[in-house]
Amino acid sequence: MPESSSAKKNRAFAILKGLKRQYPTAKCSLNYKSPVQLLVSTVLSAQCTDKRVNMTTPALFSRYKTAKAFAEADIKELEGLIKSTGFYRNKAKNIKAACRIIVNEHKGQVPKTMEKMLQLPGVARKTANIVLGNAYGVIEGIPVDTHAIRISRLLGLTKSRNPVIIERDLMKLLPKKEWCNMSDLFVHHGRAICIARRPVCSKCPVSNLCPKNGLRKSEMR
């Protein structure tokens, strides 16, 4: 019998509670001190681990301290500083172009709305959600990265592989105030236990809520 929408919503909330108990200090794992640093770090994190990004950004942020500095950066120098994150030519081009817009149209400040964030080169909903939620406390959606895609599908919270659809599905199931936090919880869970190639289901705090194990109403309260 298909799971009802109310049952799925209850299960999603139970999953949220279980992950919060497991990872009570979960937060964005990128190191930053300003919105522009978070924006740059998030752009660099595409197809790259946060660990690698955090190894790269100290020298980068020492060289470029503001959006204006990034906007005026020598492209070859910028490429060299971020080369280890992969796809560095495209990332450098987008960072420089985005910061030029930030300087020219937003007085050097990263915008605080989804609409304006999405106008920046290299910024899609995931990046916008991460920056808005973590730098400004503005919750407009759920950052959907590879961890969120994989884990939300495994837990039966969505059937889609499309990040936009997955975000929409999760937003229907979870309280708005938890949207950004849920993404951080997925990241921590994906690294610690629900590892892509070797998930440790025996240690999973929400294993009893996973469809593969069957669901009991008493476990969703």
C-alpha atoms as a PDB file:
ATOM      1  CA  MET A   1       0.000   0.000   0.000  1.00  0.00           C
ATOM      2  CA  PRO A   2       1.498   3.396  -0.996  1.00  0.00           C
ATOM      3  CA  GLU A   3       2.565   5.671   1.840  1.00  0.00           C
ATOM      4  CA  SER A   4       0.091   8.489   2.412  1.00  0.00           C
ATOM      5  CA  SER A   5       1.263  12.090   2.278  1.00  0.00           C
ATOM      6  CA  SER A   6       0.594  12.558   5.997  1.00  0.00           C
ATOM      7  CA  ALA A   7       2.516   9.390   6.866  1.00  0.00           C
ATOM      8  CA  LYS A   8       5.456  10.506   4.729  1.00  0.00           C
ATOM      9  CA  LYS A   9       5.418  13.895   6.405  1.00  0.00           C
ATOM     10  CA  ASN A  10       5.458  12.277   9.844  1.00  0.00           C
ATOM     11  CA  ARG A  11       8.299  10.007   8.796  1.00  0.00           C
ATOM     12  CA  ALA A  12      10.297  12.917   7.373  1.00  0.00           C
ATOM     13  CA  PHE A  13       9.935  14.773  10.667  1.00  0.00           C
ATOM     14  CA  ALA A  14      11.027  11.655  12.572  1.00  0.00           C
ATOM     15  CA  ILE A  15      14.070  11.383  10.291  1.00  0.00           C
ATOM     16  CA  LEU A  16      14.877  15.022  10.973  1.00  0.00           C
ATOM     17  CA  LYS A  17      14.694  14.446  14.738  1.00  0.00           C
ATOM     18  CA  GLY A  18      16.825  11.314  14.507  1.00  0.00           C
ATOM     19  CA  LEU A  19      19.543  13.048  12.512  1.00  0.00           C
ATOM     20  CA  LYS A  20      19.521  16.051  14.849  1.00  0.00           C
ATOM     21  CA  ARG A  21      20.091  13.747  17.798  1.00  0.00           C
ATOM     22  CA  GLN A  22      22.972  12.080  15.952  1.00  0.00           C
ATOM     23  CA  TYR A  23      24.560  15.320  14.738  1.00  0.00           C
ATOM     24  CA  PRO A  24      23.566  18.031  17.244  1.00  0.00           C
ATOM     25  CA  THR A  25      26.282  20.452  16.091  1.00  0.00           C
ATOM     26  CA  ALA A  26      25.786  19.998  12.348  1.00  0.00           C
ATOM     27  CA  LYS A  27      26.453  23.155  10.369  1.00  0.00           C
ATOM     28  CA  CYS A  28      27.882  24.266   7.042  1.00  0.00           C
ATOM     29  CA  SER A  29      31.343  22.695   6.760  1.00  0.00           C
ATOM     30  CA  LEU A  30      32.824  25.415   4.567  1.00  0.00           C
ATOM     31  CA  ASN A  31      35.078  27.905   6.357  1.00  0.00           C
ATOM     32  CA  TYR A  32      34.149  31.550   5.804  1.00  0.00           C
ATOM     33  CA  LYS A  33      34.025  34.912   7.577  1.00  0.00           C
ATOM     34  CA  SER A  34      31.806  36.895   5.235  1.00  0.00           C
ATOM     35  CA  PRO A  35      28.989  36.347   2.727  1.00  0.00           C
ATOM     36  CA  VAL A  36      31.338  36.828  -0.226  1.00  0.00           C
ATOM     37  CA  GLN A  37      33.735  34.238   1.202  1.00  0.00           C
ATOM     38  CA  LEU A  38      30.859  31.784   1.582  1.00  0.00           C
ATOM     39  CA  LEU A  39      29.720  32.493  -1.974  1.00  0.00           C
ATOM     40  CA  VAL A  40      33.198  31.873  -3.360  1.00  0.00           C
ATOM     41  CA  SER A  41      33.670  28.740  -1.247  1.00  0.00           C
ATOM     42  CA  THR A  42      30.337  27.329  -2.376  1.00  0.00           C
ATOM     43  CA  VAL A  43      31.180  27.944  -6.036  1.00  0.00           C
ATOM     44  CA  LEU A  44      34.507  26.178  -5.495  1.00  0.00           C
ATOM     45  CA  SER A  45      32.790  23.217  -3.815  1.00  0.00           C
ATOM     46  CA  ALA A  46      31.100  22.128  -7.052  1.00  0.00           C
ATOM     47  CA  GLN A  47      32.582  18.742  -8.013  1.00  0.00           C
ATOM     48  CA  CYS A  48      35.011  19.135  -5.109  1.00  0.00           C
ATOM     49  CA  THR A  49      35.072  18.191  -1.442  1.00  0.00           C
ATOM     50  CA  ASP A  50      34.569  20.808   1.253  1.00  0.00           C
ATOM     51  CA  LYS A  51      37.823  19.594   2.800  1.00  0.00           C
ATOM     52  CA  ARG A  52      39.760  20.465  -0.330  1.00  0.00           C
ATOM     53  CA  VAL A  53      37.999  23.829  -0.591  1.00  0.00           C
ATOM     54  CA  ASN A  54      38.902  24.639   3.012  1.00  0.00           C
ATOM     55  CA  MET A  55      42.534  23.817   2.232  1.00  0.00           C
ATOM     56  CA  THR A  56      42.448  26.194  -0.735  1.00  0.00           C
ATOM     57  CA  THR A  57      40.624  29.230   0.623  1.00  0.00           C
ATOM     58  CA  PRO A  58      43.060  30.523   3.303  1.00  0.00           C
ATOM     59  CA  ALA A  59      45.553  31.651   0.658  1.00  0.00           C
ATOM     60  CA  LEU A  60      42.733  32.768  -1.635  1.00  0.00           C
ATOM     61  CA  PHE A  61      41.009  34.911   0.988  1.00  0.00           C
ATOM     62  CA  SER A  62      44.329  36.338   2.104  1.00  0.00           C
ATOM     63  CA  ARG A  63      44.896  37.561  -1.453  1.00  0.00           C
ATOM     64  CA  TYR A  64      41.327  38.720  -2.178  1.00  0.00           C
ATOM     65  CA  LYS A  65      39.499  40.166   0.800  1.00  0.00           C
ATOM     66  CA  THR A  66      36.418  41.744  -0.808  1.00  0.00           C
ATOM     67  CA  ALA A  67      34.059  41.333  -3.740  1.00  0.00           C
ATOM     68  CA  LYS A  68      35.858  44.284  -5.377  1.00  0.00           C
ATOM     69  CA  ALA A  69      39.183  42.477  -5.068  1.00  0.00           C
ATOM     70  CA  PHE A  70      37.745  39.357  -6.714  1.00  0.00           C
ATOM     71  CA  ALA A  71      36.121  41.471  -9.430  1.00  0.00           C
ATOM     72  CA  GLU A  72      39.457  43.080 -10.258  1.00  0.00           C
ATOM     73  CA  ALA A  73      41.530  39.908  -9.901  1.00  0.00           C
ATOM     74  CA  ASP A  74      43.936  38.826 -12.605  1.00  0.00           C
ATOM     75  CA  ILE A  75      42.157  35.804 -14.043  1.00  0.00           C
ATOM     76  CA  LYS A  76      45.321  33.717 -14.407  1.00  0.00           C
ATOM     77  CA  GLU A  77      46.359  34.388 -10.835  1.00  0.00           C
ATOM     78  CA  LEU A  78      42.878  33.521  -9.613  1.00  0.00           C
ATOM     79  CA  GLU A  79      42.899  30.309 -11.639  1.00  0.00           C
ATOM     80  CA  GLY A  80      46.231  29.339 -10.110  1.00  0.00           C
ATOM     81  CA  LEU A  81      45.005  29.815  -6.565  1.00  0.00           C
ATOM     82  CA  ILE A  82      41.906  27.636  -7.064  1.00  0.00           C
ATOM     83  CA  LYS A  83      43.340  25.053  -9.474  1.00  0.00           C
ATOM     84  CA  SER A  84      43.253  22.232  -6.917  1.00  0.00           C
ATOM     85  CA  THR A  85      39.433  22.436  -6.693  1.00  0.00           C
ATOM     86  CA  GLY A  86      38.967  21.337 -10.308  1.00  0.00           C
ATOM     87  CA  PHE A  87      37.166  23.044 -13.198  1.00  0.00           C
ATOM     88  CA  TYR A  88      39.181  26.058 -12.117  1.00  0.00           C
ATOM     89  CA  ARG A  89      38.903  28.063 -15.344  1.00  0.00           C
ATOM     90  CA  ASN A  90      35.124  28.088 -15.298  1.00  0.00           C
ATOM     91  CA  LYS A  91      35.005  28.670 -11.541  1.00  0.00           C
ATOM     92  CA  ALA A  92      37.420  31.599 -11.785  1.00  0.00           C
ATOM     93  CA  LYS A  93      35.415  33.145 -14.615  1.00  0.00           C
ATOM     94  CA  ASN A  94      32.164  32.841 -12.656  1.00  0.00           C
ATOM     95  CA  ILE A  95      33.632  34.149  -9.401  1.00  0.00           C
ATOM     96  CA  LYS A  96      35.097  37.189 -11.114  1.00  0.00           C
ATOM     97  CA  ALA A  97      31.899  37.880 -13.084  1.00  0.00           C
ATOM     98  CA  ALA A  98      29.631  37.378 -10.047  1.00  0.00           C
ATOM     99  CA  CYS A  99      31.734  39.715  -7.929  1.00  0.00           C
ATOM    100  CA  ARG A 100      31.717  42.323 -10.682  1.00  0.00           C
ATOM    101  CA  ILE A 101      27.905  42.310 -10.557  1.00  0.00           C
ATOM    102  CA  ILE A 102      27.970  42.429  -6.750  1.00  0.00           C
ATOM    103  CA  VAL A 103      30.193  45.513  -6.891  1.00  0.00           C
ATOM    104  CA  ASN A 104      28.374  47.280  -9.722  1.00  0.00           C
ATOM    105  CA  GLU A 105      24.773  46.481  -8.809  1.00  0.00           C
ATOM    106  CA  HIS A 106      24.772  45.660  -5.080  1.00  0.00           C
ATOM    107  CA  LYS A 107      27.331  48.088  -3.613  1.00  0.00           C
ATOM    108  CA  GLY A 108      29.794  45.285  -2.925  1.00  0.00           C
ATOM    109  CA  GLN A 109      27.382  43.242  -0.818  1.00  0.00           C
ATOM    110  CA  VAL A 110      26.162  39.743  -1.727  1.00  0.00           C
ATOM    111  CA  PRO A 111      22.410  40.095  -2.381  1.00  0.00           C
ATOM    112  CA  LYS A 112      19.928  38.776   0.144  1.00  0.00           C
ATOM    113  CA  THR A 113      17.177  37.462  -2.134  1.00  0.00           C
ATOM    114  CA  MET A 114      16.881  34.317  -4.217  1.00  0.00           C
ATOM    115  CA  GLU A 115      15.915  36.303  -7.304  1.00  0.00           C
ATOM    116  CA  LYS A 116      19.041  38.448  -7.214  1.00  0.00           C
ATOM    117  CA  MET A 117      21.314  35.574  -6.211  1.00  0.00           C
ATOM    118  CA  LEU A 118      20.233  33.571  -9.238  1.00  0.00           C
ATOM    119  CA  GLN A 119      21.305  36.436 -11.489  1.00  0.00           C
ATOM    120  CA  LEU A 120      24.933  35.884 -10.484  1.00  0.00           C
ATOM    121  CA  PRO A 121      27.056  33.761 -12.874  1.00  0.00           C
ATOM    122  CA  GLY A 122      27.693  30.260 -11.539  1.00  0.00           C
ATOM    123  CA  VAL A 123      24.928  30.492  -8.940  1.00  0.00           C
ATOM    124  CA  ALA A 124      22.031  28.025  -9.016  1.00  0.00           C
ATOM    125  CA  ARG A 125      19.519  27.292  -6.267  1.00  0.00           C
ATOM    126  CA  LYS A 126      21.870  25.128  -4.193  1.00  0.00           C
ATOM    127  CA  THR A 127      24.510  27.825  -3.938  1.00  0.00           C
ATOM    128  CA  ALA A 128      21.916  30.538  -3.365  1.00  0.00           C
ATOM    129  CA  ASN A 129      20.246  28.548  -0.584  1.00  0.00           C
ATOM    130  CA  ILE A 130      23.563  27.878   1.154  1.00  0.00           C
ATOM    131  CA  VAL A 131      24.613  31.525   1.086  1.00  0.00           C
ATOM    132  CA  LEU A 132      21.215  32.966   2.009  1.00  0.00           C
ATOM    133  CA  GLY A 133      20.603  30.477   4.808  1.00  0.00           C
ATOM    134  CA  ASN A 134      24.044  30.487   6.400  1.00  0.00           C
ATOM    135  CA  ALA A 135      25.242  34.041   5.810  1.00  0.00           C
ATOM    136  CA  TYR A 136      21.956  35.868   6.287  1.00  0.00           C
ATOM    137  CA  GLY A 137      19.537  33.478   7.986  1.00  0.00           C
ATOM    138  CA  VAL A 138      17.215  33.886   4.999  1.00  0.00           C
ATOM    139  CA  ILE A 139      15.491  30.564   4.381  1.00  0.00           C
ATOM    140  CA  GLU A 140      14.017  30.343   0.900  1.00  0.00           C
ATOM    141  CA  GLY A 141      14.668  26.694   0.127  1.00  0.00           C
ATOM    142  CA  ILE A 142      16.762  23.596   0.790  1.00  0.00           C
ATOM    143  CA  PRO A 143      20.311  23.247  -0.543  1.00  0.00           C
ATOM    144  CA  VAL A 144      20.270  19.996  -2.522  1.00  0.00           C
ATOM    145  CA  ASP A 145      23.733  18.539  -3.077  1.00  0.00           C
ATOM    146  CA  THR A 146      24.829  14.983  -3.897  1.00  0.00           C
ATOM    147  CA  HIS A 147      24.299  13.859  -0.302  1.00  0.00           C
ATOM    148  CA  ALA A 148      20.749  15.236  -0.203  1.00  0.00           C
ATOM    149  CA  ILE A 149      19.927  13.664  -3.557  1.00  0.00           C
ATOM    150  CA  ARG A 150      21.183  10.220  -2.600  1.00  0.00           C
ATOM    151  CA  ILE A 151      19.938  10.070   0.995  1.00  0.00           C
ATOM    152  CA  SER A 152      16.500  11.560   0.363  1.00  0.00           C
ATOM    153  CA  ARG A 153      15.986   8.981  -2.386  1.00  0.00           C
ATOM    154  CA  LEU A 154      17.205   6.107  -0.193  1.00  0.00           C
ATOM    155  CA  LEU A 155      14.847   7.204   2.566  1.00  0.00           C
ATOM    156  CA  GLY A 156      11.945   7.366   0.152  1.00  0.00           C
ATOM    157  CA  LEU A 157      11.366  11.089   0.618  1.00  0.00           C
ATOM    158  CA  THR A 158      11.497  11.642  -3.140  1.00  0.00           C
ATOM    159  CA  LYS A 159      11.639   9.572  -6.294  1.00  0.00           C
ATOM    160  CA  SER A 160      13.287  12.212  -8.435  1.00  0.00           C
ATOM    161  CA  ARG A 161      16.919  12.721  -9.384  1.00  0.00           C
ATOM    162  CA  ASN A 162      16.300  16.354 -10.331  1.00  0.00           C
ATOM    163  CA  PRO A 163      17.613  18.699  -7.584  1.00  0.00           C
ATOM    164  CA  VAL A 164      14.841  21.238  -8.177  1.00  0.00           C
ATOM    165  CA  ILE A 165      12.113  18.603  -7.827  1.00  0.00           C
ATOM    166  CA  ILE A 166      13.844  17.033  -4.820  1.00  0.00           C
ATOM    167  CA  GLU A 167      14.009  20.439  -3.138  1.00  0.00           C
ATOM    168  CA  ARG A 168      10.303  20.943  -3.774  1.00  0.00           C
ATOM    169  CA  ASP A 169       9.469  17.484  -2.400  1.00  0.00           C
ATOM    170  CA  LEU A 170      11.493  18.046   0.774  1.00  0.00           C
ATOM    171  CA  MET A 171      10.045  21.513   1.326  1.00  0.00           C
ATOM    172  CA  LYS A 172       6.575  19.990   1.403  1.00  0.00           C
ATOM    173  CA  LEU A 173       7.625  17.531   4.109  1.00  0.00           C
ATOM    174  CA  LEU A 174       9.721  19.616   6.496  1.00  0.00           C
ATOM    175  CA  PRO A 175       9.200  22.766   8.608  1.00  0.00           C
ATOM    176  CA  LYS A 176      10.651  25.835   6.878  1.00  0.00           C
ATOM    177  CA  LYS A 177      12.876  26.697   9.826  1.00  0.00           C
ATOM    178  CA  GLU A 178      14.643  23.333   9.356  1.00  0.00           C
ATOM    179  CA  TRP A 179      15.225  23.527   5.603  1.00  0.00           C
ATOM    180  CA  CYS A 180      18.813  24.717   5.732  1.00  0.00           C
ATOM    181  CA  ASN A 181      19.625  22.546   8.732  1.00  0.00           C
ATOM    182  CA  MET A 182      18.331  19.428   6.979  1.00  0.00           C
ATOM    183  CA  SER A 183      20.842  19.911   4.205  1.00  0.00           C
ATOM    184  CA  ASP A 184      23.696  20.102   6.729  1.00  0.00           C
ATOM    185  CA  LEU A 185      22.378  16.955   8.430  1.00  0.00           C
ATOM    186  CA  PHE A 186      22.339  15.091   5.107  1.00  0.00           C
ATOM    187  CA  VAL A 187      25.961  16.112   4.507  1.00  0.00           C
ATOM    188  CA  HIS A 188      27.121  14.919   7.925  1.00  0.00           C
ATOM    189  CA  HIS A 189      25.147  11.688   7.642  1.00  0.00           C
ATOM    190  CA  GLY A 190      26.444  11.048   4.144  1.00  0.00           C
ATOM    191  CA  ARG A 191      30.037  11.393   5.295  1.00  0.00           C
ATOM    192  CA  ALA A 192      29.768   9.505   8.582  1.00  0.00           C
ATOM    193  CA  ILE A 193      27.317   6.649   8.075  1.00  0.00           C
ATOM    194  CA  CYS A 194      25.275   6.693   4.865  1.00  0.00           C
ATOM    195  CA  ILE A 195      28.432   6.596   2.761  1.00  0.00           C
ATOM    196  CA  ALA A 196      27.796   6.212  -0.960  1.00  0.00           C
ATOM    197  CA  ARG A 197      29.855   3.071  -1.584  1.00  0.00           C
ATOM    198  CA  ARG A 198      29.656   1.467   1.839  1.00  0.00           C
ATOM    199  CA  PRO A 199      26.720   2.633   3.976  1.00  0.00           C
ATOM    200  CA  VAL A 200      26.931   1.464   7.589  1.00  0.00           C
ATOM    201  CA  CYS A 201      23.235   0.727   8.043  1.00  0.00           C
ATOM    202  CA  SER A 202      23.820  -1.013  11.386  1.00  0.00           C
ATOM    203  CA  LYS A 203      24.856   2.350  12.880  1.00  0.00           C
ATOM    204  CA  CYS A 204      22.230   4.470  11.158  1.00  0.00           C
ATOM    205  CA  PRO A 205      20.065   6.421  13.637  1.00  0.00           C
ATOM    206  CA  VAL A 206      17.118   6.397  11.209  1.00  0.00           C
ATOM    207  CA  SER A 207      17.477   2.872   9.857  1.00  0.00           C
ATOM    208  CA  ASN A 208      14.087   1.935  11.297  1.00  0.00           C
ATOM    209  CA  LEU A 209      12.526   4.695   9.176  1.00  0.00           C
ATOM    210  CA  CYS A 210      14.132   3.544   5.962  1.00  0.00           C
ATOM    211  CA  PRO A 211      11.670   1.903   3.515  1.00  0.00           C
ATOM    212  CA  LYS A 212      13.925  -1.104   2.990  1.00  0.00           C
ATOM    213  CA  ASN A 213      13.376  -2.086   6.638  1.00  0.00           C
ATOM    214  CA  GLY A 214       9.612  -1.617   6.636  1.00  0.00           C
ATOM    215  CA  LEU A 215       7.840   1.091   8.581  1.00  0.00           C
ATOM    216  CA  ARG A 216       5.972   0.870  11.861  1.00  0.00           C
ATOM    217  CA  LYS A 217       3.773   3.709  13.061  1.00  0.00           C
ATOM    218  CA  SER A 218       5.183   3.502  16.564  1.00  0.00           C
ATOM    219  CA  GLU A 219       8.640   4.340  15.222  1.00  0.00           C
ATOM    220  CA  MET A 220       7.472   7.527  13.505  1.00  0.00           C
ATOM    221  CA  ARG A 221       6.152   9.268  16.604  1.00  0.00           C
END
